[in-house]
Amino acid sequence: MSYEQLAEALAFCGNSLLSPMTQTSSIGLDPSFWRNFPAFDDERVAAATEGLAQWTKRFGESTEGNGADPALACAVEYTRLFVGPPSPAAAPWETMHRAHGDAAKEVTVGFGDSTFEMRSLLRDLGLELSNKNRQYEDHMGIELMYLSELCRRRAAGGECVGEPWSDERIAEFVHNHPLAWIDAFAAKVREAAPDGYFECLLALVKALLEVVSSESASRL
């Protein structure tokens, strides 16, 4: 498995969750992009990318000829899910998904212990957010970008025992942060926008996180 390729895949997914397609690239609406996306010899990733290819094909056919802008339609879904108004239908911050039961109902602000933990991790890696959209540090997109940087440094610098990008630290981060709450986050997305682009994208994100976790753990 290539940590360098994983870094690129995670960065794409992270950016896709941080900004709508009207502000970035609409390459995610091209079926051939997903059919050429690296599968990392993993059935879960391959199934997720094929699901995205099929979704984009159907979506393109449904908008073709009616004058609709596919990227704008996905941007509308993005806004409804992650921005609002009046509030996100699927809050993209870890703080909002770590509580369970009655305690979860009381969490109404996406700023908590997970935010401080991510802020510290980013600082320790020497990273500073431009944060043009004023996102909390425990946003799923930011966690994926952080993980992407860990994988990039792992590919460039080797094992580096004790460093944040060592196999042990990468596996620990994935387990304690994005993988710990992606199911709850994806469930909210699925509830608010069933069969939408971001439901499919989060299926890929989970598969990639599982690949990183398994690969890192296997090298310990």
N, C-alpha and C. Protein backbone atom coordinates (compact mmCIF):
# COMPACT_ATOMS: atom_id res chain seq x y z
N MET A 1 0.84 -1.19 0.00
CA MET A 1 0.00 0.00 0.00
C MET A 1 0.88 1.24 0.00
N SER A 2 0.48 2.27 -0.70
CA SER A 2 1.25 3.51 -0.81
C SER A 2 0.68 4.58 0.11
N TYR A 3 1.48 5.00 1.11
CA TYR A 3 1.04 6.09 1.97
C TYR A 3 0.89 7.38 1.17
N GLU A 4 1.70 7.53 0.13
CA GLU A 4 1.61 8.73 -0.69
C GLU A 4 0.26 8.80 -1.40
N GLN A 5 -0.18 7.68 -1.96
CA GLN A 5 -1.49 7.64 -2.62
C GLN A 5 -2.61 7.84 -1.62
N LEU A 6 -2.46 7.25 -0.43
CA LEU A 6 -3.47 7.45 0.61
C LEU A 6 -3.57 8.92 0.99
N ALA A 7 -2.43 9.60 1.08
CA ALA A 7 -2.43 11.02 1.41
C ALA A 7 -3.23 11.81 0.38
N GLU A 8 -3.05 11.49 -0.89
CA GLU A 8 -3.77 12.20 -1.95
C GLU A 8 -5.26 11.91 -1.89
N ALA A 9 -5.63 10.65 -1.66
CA ALA A 9 -7.04 10.27 -1.60
C ALA A 9 -7.74 10.94 -0.42
N LEU A 10 -7.08 10.94 0.73
CA LEU A 10 -7.66 11.57 1.92
C LEU A 10 -7.78 13.08 1.77
N ALA A 11 -6.79 13.68 1.11
CA ALA A 11 -6.84 15.12 0.89
C ALA A 11 -8.01 15.49 -0.01
N PHE A 12 -8.25 14.69 -1.05
CA PHE A 12 -9.39 14.98 -1.92
C PHE A 12 -10.69 14.92 -1.13
N CYS A 13 -10.86 13.88 -0.34
CA CYS A 13 -12.10 13.74 0.44
C CYS A 13 -12.22 14.85 1.46
N GLY A 14 -11.11 15.21 2.12
CA GLY A 14 -11.16 16.28 3.10
C GLY A 14 -11.56 17.60 2.48
N ASN A 15 -10.96 17.93 1.34
CA ASN A 15 -11.31 19.18 0.65
C ASN A 15 -12.77 19.17 0.21
N SER A 16 -13.27 18.01 -0.20
CA SER A 16 -14.66 17.91 -0.65
C SER A 16 -15.65 18.19 0.47
N LEU A 17 -15.22 17.94 1.72
CA LEU A 17 -16.09 18.18 2.87
C LEU A 17 -15.92 19.59 3.44
N LEU A 18 -14.89 20.29 2.98
CA LEU A 18 -14.62 21.63 3.53
C LEU A 18 -15.17 22.75 2.67
N SER A 19 -15.38 22.49 1.38
CA SER A 19 -15.88 23.53 0.48
C SER A 19 -16.80 22.92 -0.56
N PRO A 20 -17.84 23.64 -0.96
CA PRO A 20 -18.74 23.12 -2.01
C PRO A 20 -18.05 23.12 -3.37
N MET A 21 -18.62 22.34 -4.29
CA MET A 21 -18.01 22.21 -5.62
C MET A 21 -17.93 23.53 -6.38
N THR A 22 -18.79 24.47 -6.05
CA THR A 22 -18.76 25.76 -6.73
C THR A 22 -17.51 26.56 -6.35
N GLN A 23 -16.82 26.13 -5.27
CA GLN A 23 -15.60 26.81 -4.84
C GLN A 23 -14.35 25.98 -5.12
N THR A 24 -14.55 24.73 -5.52
CA THR A 24 -13.40 23.85 -5.76
C THR A 24 -13.53 23.25 -7.17
N SER A 25 -13.20 21.99 -7.30
CA SER A 25 -13.29 21.30 -8.59
C SER A 25 -14.52 20.42 -8.61
N SER A 26 -15.11 20.26 -9.80
CA SER A 26 -16.27 19.37 -9.95
C SER A 26 -15.87 18.02 -10.52
N ILE A 27 -14.57 17.66 -10.41
CA ILE A 27 -14.09 16.41 -10.96
C ILE A 27 -14.77 15.20 -10.33
N GLY A 28 -15.30 15.38 -9.11
CA GLY A 28 -16.01 14.29 -8.44
C GLY A 28 -17.30 13.91 -9.12
N LEU A 29 -17.73 14.68 -10.12
CA LEU A 29 -18.94 14.35 -10.86
C LEU A 29 -18.63 13.61 -12.16
N ASP A 30 -17.38 13.23 -12.34
CA ASP A 30 -16.96 12.49 -13.54
C ASP A 30 -16.83 11.01 -13.19
N PRO A 31 -17.68 10.14 -13.77
CA PRO A 31 -17.59 8.72 -13.44
C PRO A 31 -16.20 8.13 -13.66
N SER A 32 -15.49 8.59 -14.70
CA SER A 32 -14.17 8.03 -14.99
C SER A 32 -13.16 8.37 -13.89
N PHE A 33 -13.37 9.51 -13.21
CA PHE A 33 -12.49 9.85 -12.10
C PHE A 33 -12.55 8.78 -11.03
N TRP A 34 -13.76 8.34 -10.70
CA TRP A 34 -13.92 7.34 -9.65
C TRP A 34 -13.48 5.96 -10.10
N ARG A 35 -13.61 5.67 -11.39
CA ARG A 35 -13.19 4.35 -11.87
C ARG A 35 -11.66 4.26 -11.95
N ASN A 36 -10.99 5.40 -11.91
CA ASN A 36 -9.53 5.42 -11.89
C ASN A 36 -8.96 5.75 -10.50
N PHE A 37 -9.85 5.91 -9.55
CA PHE A 37 -9.44 6.21 -8.18
C PHE A 37 -8.75 4.98 -7.59
N PRO A 38 -7.63 5.13 -6.88
CA PRO A 38 -6.94 3.94 -6.33
C PRO A 38 -7.80 3.18 -5.34
N ALA A 39 -7.82 1.86 -5.48
CA ALA A 39 -8.63 1.01 -4.60
C ALA A 39 -7.80 0.41 -3.48
N PHE A 40 -6.48 0.53 -3.56
CA PHE A 40 -5.59 0.03 -2.51
C PHE A 40 -5.78 -1.47 -2.25
N ASP A 41 -6.16 -2.20 -3.30
CA ASP A 41 -6.38 -3.65 -3.18
C ASP A 41 -7.37 -3.98 -2.07
N ASP A 42 -8.35 -3.12 -1.90
CA ASP A 42 -9.33 -3.30 -0.83
C ASP A 42 -10.74 -3.33 -1.42
N GLU A 43 -11.50 -4.36 -1.10
CA GLU A 43 -12.84 -4.51 -1.67
C GLU A 43 -13.78 -3.39 -1.22
N ARG A 44 -13.60 -2.91 0.00
CA ARG A 44 -14.48 -1.86 0.51
C ARG A 44 -14.27 -0.56 -0.26
N VAL A 45 -13.01 -0.23 -0.52
CA VAL A 45 -12.71 0.99 -1.27
C VAL A 45 -13.21 0.84 -2.71
N ALA A 46 -12.96 -0.33 -3.30
CA ALA A 46 -13.40 -0.56 -4.68
C ALA A 46 -14.92 -0.44 -4.80
N ALA A 47 -15.64 -0.98 -3.82
CA ALA A 47 -17.11 -0.92 -3.85
C ALA A 47 -17.58 0.53 -3.69
N ALA A 48 -16.90 1.29 -2.83
CA ALA A 48 -17.30 2.69 -2.61
C ALA A 48 -17.04 3.54 -3.84
N THR A 49 -15.90 3.33 -4.50
CA THR A 49 -15.60 4.13 -5.69
C THR A 49 -16.52 3.76 -6.85
N GLU A 50 -16.86 2.47 -6.96
CA GLU A 50 -17.81 2.08 -8.01
C GLU A 50 -19.19 2.66 -7.71
N GLY A 51 -19.55 2.71 -6.42
CA GLY A 51 -20.82 3.33 -6.04
C GLY A 51 -20.85 4.80 -6.42
N LEU A 52 -19.75 5.49 -6.24
CA LEU A 52 -19.67 6.90 -6.64
C LEU A 52 -19.72 7.05 -8.15
N ALA A 53 -19.06 6.15 -8.88
CA ALA A 53 -19.10 6.20 -10.35
C ALA A 53 -20.53 6.01 -10.85
N GLN A 54 -21.23 5.05 -10.26
CA GLN A 54 -22.62 4.79 -10.67
C GLN A 54 -23.51 5.98 -10.31
N TRP A 55 -23.29 6.54 -9.12
CA TRP A 55 -24.10 7.68 -8.70
C TRP A 55 -23.90 8.87 -9.63
N THR A 56 -22.64 9.19 -9.95
CA THR A 56 -22.38 10.35 -10.81
C THR A 56 -22.93 10.13 -12.22
N LYS A 57 -22.90 8.89 -12.68
CA LYS A 57 -23.45 8.60 -14.01
C LYS A 57 -24.96 8.85 -14.02
N ARG A 58 -25.65 8.33 -13.00
CA ARG A 58 -27.10 8.54 -12.91
C ARG A 58 -27.43 10.01 -12.73
N PHE A 59 -26.66 10.68 -11.90
CA PHE A 59 -26.89 12.09 -11.62
C PHE A 59 -26.69 12.93 -12.88
N GLY A 60 -25.64 12.61 -13.64
CA GLY A 60 -25.39 13.33 -14.88
C GLY A 60 -26.52 13.14 -15.88
N GLU A 61 -27.02 11.91 -15.97
CA GLU A 61 -28.12 11.62 -16.89
C GLU A 61 -29.40 12.34 -16.47
N SER A 62 -29.61 12.46 -15.16
CA SER A 62 -30.84 13.09 -14.67
C SER A 62 -30.84 14.61 -14.88
N THR A 63 -29.64 15.21 -14.94
CA THR A 63 -29.56 16.66 -15.11
C THR A 63 -29.29 17.07 -16.57
N GLU A 64 -28.89 16.10 -17.38
CA GLU A 64 -28.54 16.41 -18.77
C GLU A 64 -29.77 16.91 -19.54
N GLY A 65 -29.59 18.01 -20.22
CA GLY A 65 -30.64 18.53 -21.09
C GLY A 65 -31.67 19.40 -20.42
N ASN A 66 -31.65 19.50 -19.09
CA ASN A 66 -32.65 20.34 -18.43
C ASN A 66 -32.08 21.68 -17.97
N GLY A 67 -30.83 21.93 -18.34
CA GLY A 67 -30.22 23.21 -18.01
C GLY A 67 -29.69 23.32 -16.60
N ALA A 68 -29.79 22.25 -15.81
CA ALA A 68 -29.31 22.30 -14.44
C ALA A 68 -27.78 22.22 -14.40
N ASP A 69 -27.19 22.87 -13.43
CA ASP A 69 -25.75 22.83 -13.22
C ASP A 69 -25.46 21.77 -12.15
N PRO A 70 -24.86 20.63 -12.53
CA PRO A 70 -24.64 19.55 -11.55
C PRO A 70 -23.81 20.00 -10.35
N ALA A 71 -22.76 20.79 -10.60
CA ALA A 71 -21.93 21.25 -9.49
C ALA A 71 -22.72 22.13 -8.53
N LEU A 72 -23.59 22.96 -9.07
CA LEU A 72 -24.42 23.80 -8.22
C LEU A 72 -25.40 22.96 -7.42
N ALA A 73 -25.97 21.93 -8.05
CA ALA A 73 -26.90 21.06 -7.33
C ALA A 73 -26.20 20.38 -6.16
N CYS A 74 -24.95 19.93 -6.36
CA CYS A 74 -24.19 19.32 -5.26
C CYS A 74 -23.83 20.35 -4.20
N ALA A 75 -23.59 21.59 -4.63
CA ALA A 75 -23.29 22.65 -3.68
C ALA A 75 -24.50 22.95 -2.80
N VAL A 76 -25.70 22.86 -3.38
CA VAL A 76 -26.93 23.05 -2.60
C VAL A 76 -27.05 21.95 -1.55
N GLU A 77 -26.75 20.70 -1.94
CA GLU A 77 -26.78 19.60 -0.98
C GLU A 77 -25.75 19.85 0.12
N TYR A 78 -24.57 20.27 -0.26
CA TYR A 78 -23.51 20.57 0.70
C TYR A 78 -23.97 21.61 1.71
N THR A 79 -24.55 22.69 1.21
CA THR A 79 -24.98 23.78 2.08
C THR A 79 -26.05 23.31 3.06
N ARG A 80 -27.03 22.58 2.56
CA ARG A 80 -28.11 22.11 3.44
C ARG A 80 -27.57 21.17 4.51
N LEU A 81 -26.62 20.31 4.14
CA LEU A 81 -26.09 19.34 5.09
C LEU A 81 -25.16 19.98 6.12
N PHE A 82 -24.23 20.82 5.66
CA PHE A 82 -23.10 21.21 6.51
C PHE A 82 -23.08 22.67 6.93
N VAL A 83 -24.02 23.48 6.38
CA VAL A 83 -24.02 24.90 6.70
C VAL A 83 -25.35 25.35 7.28
N GLY A 84 -26.42 25.12 6.57
CA GLY A 84 -27.73 25.60 6.94
C GLY A 84 -28.22 26.57 5.88
N PRO A 85 -29.20 27.39 6.09
CA PRO A 85 -29.80 27.74 7.38
C PRO A 85 -30.89 26.77 7.82
N PRO A 86 -31.32 26.90 9.11
CA PRO A 86 -30.69 27.76 10.12
C PRO A 86 -29.46 27.11 10.75
N SER A 87 -29.36 25.78 10.64
CA SER A 87 -28.22 25.07 11.18
C SER A 87 -27.96 23.85 10.30
N PRO A 88 -26.78 23.26 10.36
CA PRO A 88 -26.48 22.10 9.51
C PRO A 88 -27.42 20.93 9.80
N ALA A 89 -27.88 20.28 8.73
CA ALA A 89 -28.69 19.08 8.92
C ALA A 89 -27.83 17.93 9.42
N ALA A 90 -26.55 17.94 9.07
CA ALA A 90 -25.60 16.93 9.52
C ALA A 90 -24.33 17.65 9.96
N ALA A 91 -24.28 18.02 11.22
CA ALA A 91 -23.15 18.81 11.72
C ALA A 91 -21.84 18.07 11.46
N PRO A 92 -20.84 18.73 10.84
CA PRO A 92 -19.62 18.03 10.45
C PRO A 92 -18.52 18.02 11.50
N TRP A 93 -18.85 18.29 12.77
CA TRP A 93 -17.85 18.39 13.83
C TRP A 93 -17.94 17.20 14.78
N GLU A 94 -16.79 16.71 15.16
CA GLU A 94 -16.71 15.53 16.02
C GLU A 94 -17.46 15.73 17.34
N THR A 95 -17.34 16.93 17.91
CA THR A 95 -18.00 17.22 19.19
C THR A 95 -19.48 16.87 19.16
N MET A 96 -20.12 17.07 18.01
CA MET A 96 -21.57 16.87 17.90
C MET A 96 -21.95 15.39 17.84
N HIS A 97 -20.97 14.50 17.70
CA HIS A 97 -21.31 13.09 17.48
C HIS A 97 -20.68 12.14 18.49
N ARG A 98 -19.91 12.66 19.45
CA ARG A 98 -19.26 11.78 20.42
C ARG A 98 -20.15 11.43 21.61
N ALA A 99 -21.14 12.28 21.91
CA ALA A 99 -22.06 11.99 23.01
C ALA A 99 -23.10 10.97 22.55
N HIS A 100 -23.68 10.24 23.49
CA HIS A 100 -24.67 9.21 23.16
C HIS A 100 -25.92 9.38 24.02
N GLY A 101 -27.02 8.83 23.53
CA GLY A 101 -28.26 8.85 24.29
C GLY A 101 -28.77 10.25 24.55
N ASP A 102 -29.28 10.46 25.78
CA ASP A 102 -29.83 11.76 26.13
C ASP A 102 -28.77 12.86 26.09
N ALA A 103 -27.52 12.48 26.38
CA ALA A 103 -26.44 13.48 26.39
C ALA A 103 -26.25 14.08 25.00
N ALA A 104 -26.46 13.27 23.97
CA ALA A 104 -26.27 13.74 22.60
C ALA A 104 -27.26 14.84 22.26
N LYS A 105 -28.46 14.76 22.82
CA LYS A 105 -29.49 15.76 22.53
C LYS A 105 -29.12 17.13 23.11
N GLU A 106 -28.26 17.12 24.13
CA GLU A 106 -27.89 18.37 24.78
C GLU A 106 -26.74 19.08 24.06
N VAL A 107 -26.07 18.39 23.12
CA VAL A 107 -24.94 18.99 22.40
C VAL A 107 -25.49 19.80 21.24
N THR A 108 -25.44 21.10 21.36
CA THR A 108 -26.00 21.97 20.32
C THR A 108 -24.95 22.87 19.70
N VAL A 109 -23.74 22.85 20.25
CA VAL A 109 -22.66 23.69 19.74
C VAL A 109 -21.48 22.81 19.33
N GLY A 110 -20.97 23.01 18.12
CA GLY A 110 -19.88 22.17 17.64
C GLY A 110 -18.53 22.60 18.14
N PHE A 111 -18.36 22.75 19.43
CA PHE A 111 -17.09 23.14 20.02
C PHE A 111 -16.98 22.48 21.38
N GLY A 112 -15.97 21.63 21.53
CA GLY A 112 -15.83 20.92 22.80
C GLY A 112 -14.44 20.32 22.94
N ASP A 113 -14.33 19.25 23.73
CA ASP A 113 -13.03 18.64 23.99
C ASP A 113 -12.33 18.19 22.71
N SER A 114 -13.11 17.64 21.78
CA SER A 114 -12.51 17.17 20.52
C SER A 114 -11.89 18.31 19.74
N THR A 115 -12.49 19.49 19.83
CA THR A 115 -11.94 20.67 19.16
C THR A 115 -10.58 21.02 19.72
N PHE A 116 -10.47 21.02 21.05
CA PHE A 116 -9.20 21.34 21.69
C PHE A 116 -8.14 20.27 21.38
N GLU A 117 -8.57 19.00 21.34
CA GLU A 117 -7.63 17.92 21.02
C GLU A 117 -7.07 18.09 19.62
N MET A 118 -7.95 18.37 18.65
CA MET A 118 -7.50 18.56 17.28
C MET A 118 -6.65 19.81 17.15
N ARG A 119 -6.99 20.85 17.87
CA ARG A 119 -6.19 22.08 17.82
C ARG A 119 -4.77 21.79 18.29
N SER A 120 -4.65 20.98 19.34
CA SER A 120 -3.33 20.63 19.87
C SER A 120 -2.56 19.75 18.88
N LEU A 121 -3.24 18.79 18.27
CA LEU A 121 -2.57 17.90 17.31
C LEU A 121 -2.06 18.68 16.11
N LEU A 122 -2.86 19.59 15.61
CA LEU A 122 -2.45 20.41 14.47
C LEU A 122 -1.24 21.27 14.83
N ARG A 123 -1.28 21.85 16.01
CA ARG A 123 -0.18 22.70 16.46
C ARG A 123 1.10 21.89 16.60
N ASP A 124 1.00 20.69 17.16
CA ASP A 124 2.18 19.85 17.35
C ASP A 124 2.81 19.45 16.02
N LEU A 125 2.01 19.40 14.96
CA LEU A 125 2.52 19.06 13.64
C LEU A 125 3.01 20.29 12.88
N GLY A 126 2.85 21.47 13.50
CA GLY A 126 3.29 22.70 12.87
C GLY A 126 2.33 23.20 11.82
N LEU A 127 1.06 22.80 11.92
CA LEU A 127 0.06 23.21 10.94
C LEU A 127 -0.80 24.33 11.50
N GLU A 128 -1.15 25.26 10.64
CA GLU A 128 -2.02 26.36 11.03
C GLU A 128 -3.13 26.50 10.00
N LEU A 129 -4.36 26.57 10.48
CA LEU A 129 -5.51 26.65 9.58
C LEU A 129 -5.66 28.06 9.01
N SER A 130 -5.88 28.13 7.71
CA SER A 130 -6.27 29.41 7.14
C SER A 130 -7.69 29.74 7.58
N ASN A 131 -8.50 28.65 7.69
CA ASN A 131 -9.83 28.73 8.30
C ASN A 131 -10.69 29.84 7.72
N LYS A 132 -10.68 29.97 6.40
CA LYS A 132 -11.45 31.04 5.78
C LYS A 132 -12.95 30.86 6.01
N ASN A 133 -13.38 29.61 6.24
CA ASN A 133 -14.79 29.36 6.50
C ASN A 133 -15.11 29.26 7.99
N ARG A 134 -14.12 29.58 8.82
CA ARG A 134 -14.30 29.62 10.28
C ARG A 134 -14.79 28.27 10.81
N GLN A 135 -14.15 27.21 10.39
CA GLN A 135 -14.52 25.88 10.86
C GLN A 135 -13.78 25.53 12.14
N TYR A 136 -14.47 24.79 13.02
CA TYR A 136 -13.79 24.26 14.19
C TYR A 136 -12.80 23.18 13.74
N GLU A 137 -11.76 23.00 14.54
CA GLU A 137 -10.69 22.08 14.16
C GLU A 137 -11.11 20.62 14.12
N ASP A 138 -12.23 20.27 14.77
CA ASP A 138 -12.67 18.87 14.75
C ASP A 138 -13.68 18.61 13.63
N HIS A 139 -13.66 19.43 12.59
CA HIS A 139 -14.45 19.19 11.38
C HIS A 139 -13.90 17.94 10.69
N MET A 140 -14.78 17.08 10.17
CA MET A 140 -14.33 15.86 9.52
C MET A 140 -13.34 16.16 8.39
N GLY A 141 -13.60 17.21 7.63
CA GLY A 141 -12.69 17.56 6.55
C GLY A 141 -11.30 17.90 7.05
N ILE A 142 -11.21 18.61 8.17
CA ILE A 142 -9.92 18.99 8.73
C ILE A 142 -9.21 17.76 9.30
N GLU A 143 -9.96 16.86 9.94
CA GLU A 143 -9.35 15.63 10.45
C GLU A 143 -8.77 14.81 9.30
N LEU A 144 -9.47 14.77 8.17
CA LEU A 144 -8.96 14.03 7.02
C LEU A 144 -7.72 14.71 6.44
N MET A 145 -7.70 16.04 6.41
CA MET A 145 -6.53 16.75 5.92
C MET A 145 -5.33 16.52 6.84
N TYR A 146 -5.58 16.49 8.15
CA TYR A 146 -4.52 16.20 9.11
C TYR A 146 -3.97 14.79 8.88
N LEU A 147 -4.88 13.82 8.71
CA LEU A 147 -4.45 12.44 8.46
C LEU A 147 -3.69 12.34 7.14
N SER A 148 -4.13 13.10 6.14
CA SER A 148 -3.43 13.13 4.87
C SER A 148 -1.98 13.58 5.06
N GLU A 149 -1.79 14.61 5.89
CA GLU A 149 -0.44 15.11 6.14
C GLU A 149 0.39 14.08 6.90
N LEU A 150 -0.22 13.36 7.84
CA LEU A 150 0.50 12.29 8.53
C LEU A 150 0.98 11.24 7.53
N CYS A 151 0.10 10.85 6.62
CA CYS A 151 0.45 9.84 5.62
C CYS A 151 1.54 10.37 4.68
N ARG A 152 1.46 11.64 4.32
CA ARG A 152 2.47 12.22 3.44
C ARG A 152 3.84 12.21 4.11
N ARG A 153 3.87 12.57 5.39
CA ARG A 153 5.14 12.58 6.10
C ARG A 153 5.64 11.16 6.35
N ARG A 154 4.72 10.23 6.55
CA ARG A 154 5.12 8.83 6.72
C ARG A 154 5.76 8.32 5.43
N ALA A 155 5.20 8.69 4.28
CA ALA A 155 5.76 8.26 3.00
C ALA A 155 7.13 8.88 2.76
N ALA A 156 7.31 10.12 3.19
CA ALA A 156 8.56 10.84 2.93
C ALA A 156 9.65 10.52 3.93
N GLY A 157 9.25 10.25 5.18
CA GLY A 157 10.25 10.13 6.23
C GLY A 157 10.42 8.76 6.84
N GLY A 158 9.66 7.77 6.37
CA GLY A 158 9.80 6.44 6.94
C GLY A 158 9.08 6.31 8.27
N GLU A 159 9.51 5.34 9.06
CA GLU A 159 8.79 4.99 10.28
C GLU A 159 8.83 6.12 11.31
N CYS A 160 10.01 6.69 11.61
CA CYS A 160 10.11 7.80 12.56
C CYS A 160 9.39 7.51 13.87
N VAL A 161 9.85 6.48 14.58
CA VAL A 161 9.20 6.04 15.82
C VAL A 161 9.05 7.22 16.78
N GLY A 162 7.84 7.36 17.33
CA GLY A 162 7.56 8.42 18.28
C GLY A 162 7.01 9.69 17.66
N GLU A 163 7.20 9.84 16.35
CA GLU A 163 6.66 11.01 15.67
C GLU A 163 5.17 10.82 15.41
N PRO A 164 4.42 11.92 15.23
CA PRO A 164 2.98 11.81 14.96
C PRO A 164 2.66 10.97 13.74
N TRP A 165 3.62 10.83 12.80
CA TRP A 165 3.35 10.07 11.58
C TRP A 165 3.91 8.66 11.64
N SER A 166 4.29 8.19 12.83
CA SER A 166 4.67 6.78 12.97
C SER A 166 3.41 5.92 12.80
N ASP A 167 3.60 4.66 12.45
CA ASP A 167 2.46 3.76 12.25
C ASP A 167 1.57 3.71 13.49
N GLU A 168 2.20 3.64 14.66
CA GLU A 168 1.42 3.55 15.90
C GLU A 168 0.56 4.80 16.11
N ARG A 169 1.15 5.96 15.88
CA ARG A 169 0.42 7.21 16.11
C ARG A 169 -0.67 7.41 15.06
N ILE A 170 -0.41 7.00 13.82
CA ILE A 170 -1.43 7.10 12.78
C ILE A 170 -2.62 6.22 13.14
N ALA A 171 -2.35 4.96 13.51
CA ALA A 171 -3.42 4.04 13.88
C ALA A 171 -4.22 4.56 15.07
N GLU A 172 -3.51 5.14 16.04
CA GLU A 172 -4.17 5.69 17.23
C GLU A 172 -5.08 6.86 16.86
N PHE A 173 -4.58 7.75 16.00
CA PHE A 173 -5.39 8.90 15.61
C PHE A 173 -6.65 8.46 14.88
N VAL A 174 -6.51 7.56 13.92
CA VAL A 174 -7.68 7.11 13.15
C VAL A 174 -8.71 6.49 14.07
N HIS A 175 -8.26 5.65 14.99
CA HIS A 175 -9.19 4.97 15.91
C HIS A 175 -9.88 5.95 16.84
N ASN A 176 -9.14 6.93 17.36
CA ASN A 176 -9.68 7.84 18.38
C ASN A 176 -10.47 9.01 17.81
N HIS A 177 -10.25 9.31 16.55
CA HIS A 177 -10.92 10.49 15.99
C HIS A 177 -11.83 10.14 14.80
N PRO A 178 -11.43 10.23 13.54
CA PRO A 178 -12.44 10.13 12.48
C PRO A 178 -13.22 8.82 12.45
N LEU A 179 -12.52 7.69 12.69
CA LEU A 179 -13.22 6.42 12.62
C LEU A 179 -14.20 6.24 13.78
N ALA A 180 -13.95 6.95 14.89
CA ALA A 180 -14.80 6.82 16.07
C ALA A 180 -16.17 7.47 15.89
N TRP A 181 -16.29 8.40 14.92
CA TRP A 181 -17.57 9.11 14.81
C TRP A 181 -18.14 9.17 13.40
N ILE A 182 -17.46 8.55 12.45
CA ILE A 182 -17.95 8.67 11.07
C ILE A 182 -19.29 7.97 10.88
N ASP A 183 -19.56 6.89 11.60
CA ASP A 183 -20.84 6.21 11.44
C ASP A 183 -22.00 7.11 11.86
N ALA A 184 -21.84 7.80 12.98
CA ALA A 184 -22.90 8.70 13.46
C ALA A 184 -23.08 9.86 12.49
N PHE A 185 -21.98 10.39 11.99
CA PHE A 185 -22.03 11.48 11.03
C PHE A 185 -22.70 11.03 9.73
N ALA A 186 -22.29 9.88 9.22
CA ALA A 186 -22.86 9.36 7.97
C ALA A 186 -24.35 9.08 8.12
N ALA A 187 -24.77 8.64 9.30
CA ALA A 187 -26.19 8.37 9.53
C ALA A 187 -27.01 9.65 9.42
N LYS A 188 -26.48 10.75 9.93
CA LYS A 188 -27.16 12.05 9.82
C LYS A 188 -27.24 12.50 8.37
N VAL A 189 -26.15 12.31 7.63
CA VAL A 189 -26.14 12.67 6.21
C VAL A 189 -27.16 11.83 5.45
N ARG A 190 -27.19 10.54 5.72
CA ARG A 190 -28.12 9.63 5.04
C ARG A 190 -29.57 9.99 5.35
N GLU A 191 -29.82 10.38 6.58
CA GLU A 191 -31.17 10.77 6.98
C GLU A 191 -31.62 12.05 6.29
N ALA A 192 -30.70 13.02 6.16
CA ALA A 192 -31.06 14.32 5.60
C ALA A 192 -31.04 14.34 4.08
N ALA A 193 -30.15 13.55 3.48
CA ALA A 193 -30.03 13.54 2.01
C ALA A 193 -29.77 12.13 1.52
N PRO A 194 -30.79 11.25 1.63
CA PRO A 194 -30.60 9.86 1.21
C PRO A 194 -30.27 9.76 -0.27
N ASP A 195 -29.34 8.84 -0.58
CA ASP A 195 -28.91 8.62 -1.96
C ASP A 195 -28.26 9.85 -2.58
N GLY A 196 -27.70 10.70 -1.75
CA GLY A 196 -27.02 11.89 -2.26
C GLY A 196 -25.53 11.66 -2.46
N TYR A 197 -24.86 12.67 -2.98
CA TYR A 197 -23.43 12.58 -3.25
C TYR A 197 -22.63 12.33 -1.98
N PHE A 198 -22.99 13.03 -0.91
CA PHE A 198 -22.16 12.95 0.29
C PHE A 198 -22.38 11.66 1.07
N GLU A 199 -23.52 11.03 0.92
CA GLU A 199 -23.68 9.70 1.50
C GLU A 199 -22.69 8.74 0.84
N CYS A 200 -22.57 8.83 -0.48
CA CYS A 200 -21.62 7.99 -1.21
C CYS A 200 -20.18 8.33 -0.86
N LEU A 201 -19.89 9.62 -0.74
CA LEU A 201 -18.52 10.04 -0.43
C LEU A 201 -18.10 9.55 0.95
N LEU A 202 -19.00 9.61 1.92
CA LEU A 202 -18.65 9.17 3.27
C LEU A 202 -18.46 7.66 3.35
N ALA A 203 -19.11 6.91 2.47
CA ALA A 203 -18.84 5.47 2.39
C ALA A 203 -17.39 5.24 1.98
N LEU A 204 -16.91 6.04 1.05
CA LEU A 204 -15.51 5.95 0.64
C LEU A 204 -14.59 6.38 1.77
N VAL A 205 -14.93 7.45 2.46
CA VAL A 205 -14.10 7.93 3.57
C VAL A 205 -13.94 6.84 4.62
N LYS A 206 -15.05 6.19 4.99
CA LYS A 206 -14.96 5.14 6.00
C LYS A 206 -14.06 4.00 5.52
N ALA A 207 -14.20 3.61 4.25
CA ALA A 207 -13.37 2.54 3.71
C ALA A 207 -11.90 2.92 3.75
N LEU A 208 -11.58 4.17 3.40
CA LEU A 208 -10.19 4.62 3.44
C LEU A 208 -9.64 4.63 4.86
N LEU A 209 -10.46 5.06 5.81
CA LEU A 209 -10.03 5.08 7.21
C LEU A 209 -9.74 3.66 7.70
N GLU A 210 -10.56 2.72 7.30
CA GLU A 210 -10.34 1.33 7.69
C GLU A 210 -9.07 0.77 7.07
N VAL A 211 -8.79 1.18 5.84
CA VAL A 211 -7.54 0.75 5.19
C VAL A 211 -6.33 1.31 5.94
N VAL A 212 -6.36 2.61 6.25
CA VAL A 212 -5.25 3.23 6.98
C VAL A 212 -5.06 2.56 8.33
N SER A 213 -6.18 2.34 9.04
CA SER A 213 -6.10 1.72 10.37
C SER A 213 -5.51 0.32 10.29
N SER A 214 -5.98 -0.47 9.34
CA SER A 214 -5.49 -1.85 9.21
C SER A 214 -4.04 -1.88 8.79
N GLU A 215 -3.67 -1.03 7.85
CA GLU A 215 -2.29 -1.01 7.35
C GLU A 215 -1.33 -0.56 8.44
N SER A 216 -1.68 0.50 9.14
CA SER A 216 -0.81 1.02 10.19
C SER A 216 -0.63 -0.02 11.29
N ALA A 217 -1.74 -0.65 11.70
CA ALA A 217 -1.68 -1.64 12.78
C ALA A 217 -0.86 -2.86 12.36
N SER A 218 -0.94 -3.23 11.08
CA SER A 218 -0.23 -4.42 10.61
C SER A 218 1.29 -4.22 10.60
N ARG A 219 1.75 -2.97 10.62
CA ARG A 219 3.18 -2.68 10.57
C ARG A 219 3.79 -2.51 11.94
N LEU A 220 2.97 -2.57 12.98
CA LEU A 220 3.51 -2.38 14.33
C LEU A 220 4.30 -3.59 14.78
